[in-house]
C-alpha atoms as a PDB file:
ATOM      1  CA  UNK A   1      24.962  58.152  25.561  1.00  0.00           C
ATOM      2  CA  UNK A   2      23.319  55.677  23.226  1.00  0.00           C
ATOM      3  CA  UNK A   3      25.392  53.315  21.140  1.00  0.00           C
ATOM      4  CA  UNK A   4      25.413  50.073  19.260  1.00  0.00           C
ATOM      5  CA  UNK A   5      28.047  47.356  19.364  1.00  0.00           C
ATOM      6  CA  UNK A   6      28.189  44.590  16.775  1.00  0.00           C
ATOM      7  CA  UNK A   7      30.613  41.681  17.030  1.00  0.00           C
ATOM      8  CA  UNK A   8      31.337  39.705  13.891  1.00  0.00           C
ATOM      9  CA  UNK A   9      33.757  36.869  14.677  1.00  0.00           C
ATOM     10  CA  UNK A  10      35.599  35.360  11.744  1.00  0.00           C
ATOM     11  CA  UNK A  11      34.983  31.733  12.680  1.00  0.00           C
ATOM     12  CA  UNK A  12      33.459  28.673  11.096  1.00  0.00           C
ATOM     13  CA  UNK A  13      30.043  27.696  12.322  1.00  0.00           C
ATOM     14  CA  UNK A  14      27.502  29.569  14.427  1.00  0.00           C
ATOM     15  CA  UNK A  15      28.623  32.738  16.193  1.00  0.00           C
ATOM     16  CA  UNK A  16      25.789  32.911  18.742  1.00  0.00           C
ATOM     17  CA  UNK A  17      27.954  31.694  21.617  1.00  0.00           C
ATOM     18  CA  UNK A  18      30.620  34.289  20.860  1.00  0.00           C
ATOM     19  CA  UNK A  19      28.015  37.041  20.628  1.00  0.00           C
ATOM     20  CA  UNK A  20      26.407  35.895  23.890  1.00  0.00           C
ATOM     21  CA  UNK A  21      29.778  36.284  25.633  1.00  0.00           C
ATOM     22  CA  UNK A  22      30.121  39.767  24.143  1.00  0.00           C
ATOM     23  CA  UNK A  23      26.698  40.706  25.506  1.00  0.00           C
ATOM     24  CA  UNK A  24      27.781  39.395  28.927  1.00  0.00           C
ATOM     25  CA  UNK A  25      30.797  41.723  28.785  1.00  0.00           C
ATOM     26  CA  UNK A  26      28.500  44.647  27.996  1.00  0.00           C
ATOM     27  CA  UNK A  27      26.249  43.791  30.939  1.00  0.00           C
ATOM     28  CA  UNK A  28      29.287  43.393  33.219  1.00  0.00           C
ATOM     29  CA  UNK A  29      30.031  47.077  32.643  1.00  0.00           C
ATOM     30  CA  UNK A  30      26.618  47.960  34.089  1.00  0.00           C
ATOM     31  CA  UNK A  31      25.244  49.087  30.749  1.00  0.00           C
ATOM     32  CA  UNK A  32      21.603  48.696  29.831  1.00  0.00           C
ATOM     33  CA  UNK A  33      21.402  46.831  26.552  1.00  0.00           C
ATOM     34  CA  UNK A  34      18.976  45.378  24.034  1.00  0.00           C
ATOM     35  CA  UNK A  35      20.145  42.598  21.758  1.00  0.00           C
ATOM     36  CA  UNK A  36      19.046  42.958  18.161  1.00  0.00           C
ATOM     37  CA  UNK A  37      19.545  40.846  15.053  1.00  0.00           C
ATOM     38  CA  UNK A  38      22.509  42.883  13.793  1.00  0.00           C
ATOM     39  CA  UNK A  39      23.941  44.451  16.944  1.00  0.00           C
ATOM     40  CA  UNK A  40      23.376  45.259  20.587  1.00  0.00           C
ATOM     41  CA  UNK A  41      22.067  48.691  21.565  1.00  0.00           C
ATOM     42  CA  UNK A  42      23.646  50.104  24.708  1.00  0.00           C
ATOM     43  CA  UNK A  43      22.854  52.953  27.058  1.00  0.00           C
ATOM     44  CA  UNK A  44      25.407  54.424  29.434  1.00  0.00           C
ATOM     45  CA  UNK A  45      28.401  56.652  29.905  1.00  0.00           C
ATOM     46  CA  UNK A  46      30.988  56.839  27.137  1.00  0.00           C
ATOM     47  CA  UNK A  47      33.764  55.428  29.323  1.00  0.00           C
ATOM     48  CA  UNK A  48      31.652  52.383  30.213  1.00  0.00           C
ATOM     49  CA  UNK A  49      30.771  51.757  26.557  1.00  0.00           C
ATOM     50  CA  UNK A  50      34.423  51.962  25.527  1.00  0.00           C
ATOM     51  CA  UNK A  51      35.452  49.694  28.401  1.00  0.00           C
ATOM     52  CA  UNK A  52      32.836  47.170  27.221  1.00  0.00           C
ATOM     53  CA  UNK A  53      34.452  47.217  23.775  1.00  0.00           C
ATOM     54  CA  UNK A  54      37.864  46.652  25.358  1.00  0.00           C
ATOM     55  CA  UNK A  55      36.451  43.772  27.443  1.00  0.00           C
ATOM     56  CA  UNK A  56      34.915  42.203  24.336  1.00  0.00           C
ATOM     57  CA  UNK A  57      38.261  42.373  22.553  1.00  0.00           C
ATOM     58  CA  UNK A  58      40.005  40.755  25.525  1.00  0.00           C
ATOM     59  CA  UNK A  59      37.345  38.012  25.697  1.00  0.00           C
ATOM     60  CA  UNK A  60      37.670  37.250  21.985  1.00  0.00           C
ATOM     61  CA  UNK A  61      41.435  36.885  22.289  1.00  0.00           C
ATOM     62  CA  UNK A  62      41.153  34.799  25.476  1.00  0.00           C
ATOM     63  CA  UNK A  63      38.777  32.468  23.641  1.00  0.00           C
ATOM     64  CA  UNK A  64      41.287  32.043  20.816  1.00  0.00           C
ATOM     65  CA  UNK A  65      39.434  34.140  18.259  1.00  0.00           C
ATOM     66  CA  UNK A  66      42.125  35.913  16.302  1.00  0.00           C
ATOM     67  CA  UNK A  67      39.959  37.623  13.693  1.00  0.00           C
ATOM     68  CA  UNK A  68      36.799  39.590  14.296  1.00  0.00           C
ATOM     69  CA  UNK A  69      35.158  42.861  13.435  1.00  0.00           C
ATOM     70  CA  UNK A  70      33.834  44.958  16.305  1.00  0.00           C
ATOM     71  CA  UNK A  71      31.652  47.788  15.038  1.00  0.00           C
ATOM     72  CA  UNK A  72      30.790  50.655  17.375  1.00  0.00           C
ATOM     73  CA  UNK A  73      28.342  53.459  16.703  1.00  0.00           C
ATOM     74  CA  UNK A  74      27.787  56.244  19.224  1.00  0.00           C
ATOM     75  CA  UNK A  75      25.098  58.892  19.296  1.00  0.00           C
ATOM     76  CA  UNK A  76      25.875  62.156  21.037  1.00  0.00           C
ATOM     77  CA  UNK A  77      22.910  64.110  22.379  1.00  0.00           C
ATOM     78  CA  UNK A  78      22.710  67.395  24.284  1.00  0.00           C
ATOM     79  CA  UNK A  79      20.626  65.674  26.979  1.00  0.00           C
ATOM     80  CA  UNK A  80      20.419  62.214  28.576  1.00  0.00           C
ATOM     81  CA  UNK A  81      18.873  59.578  26.313  1.00  0.00           C
ATOM     82  CA  UNK A  82      17.345  56.172  26.898  1.00  0.00           C
ATOM     83  CA  UNK A  83      16.994  53.208  24.596  1.00  0.00           C
ATOM     84  CA  UNK A  84      13.212  53.500  24.758  1.00  0.00           C
ATOM     85  CA  UNK A  85      13.125  57.194  23.852  1.00  0.00           C
ATOM     86  CA  UNK A  86      15.088  56.537  20.690  1.00  0.00           C
ATOM     87  CA  UNK A  87      12.311  54.368  19.239  1.00  0.00           C
ATOM     88  CA  UNK A  88       9.192  56.006  20.729  1.00  0.00           C
ATOM     89  CA  UNK A  89       8.869  58.577  17.951  1.00  0.00           C
ATOM     90  CA  UNK A  90       9.325  55.996  15.231  1.00  0.00           C
ATOM     91  CA  UNK A  91       6.639  53.735  16.704  1.00  0.00           C
ATOM     92  CA  UNK A  92       4.238  56.687  17.036  1.00  0.00           C
ATOM     93  CA  UNK A  93       4.812  57.709  13.401  1.00  0.00           C
ATOM     94  CA  UNK A  94       4.273  54.171  12.149  1.00  0.00           C
ATOM     95  CA  UNK A  95       0.903  53.831  13.906  1.00  0.00           C
END
């Protein structure tokens, strides 16, 4: 399954450190991921993606962040997908 997870902490100041910890939680679940400017694309089994979201929520709370938005988008396909395959057709069309 392909998905995207975006973490938007409600804190003052830069959020890069918080987002970096969220990406570490995604990687800890064994998911392939690509960090983007507005979210992190993930590739893996549904259970692993959902566990990554749970781990992110636990990390936020452990770090004292009481307010945040965690957005999750999932793409169901009838066959296995990869992060690269999702963008290959777009790149080919743009050329």
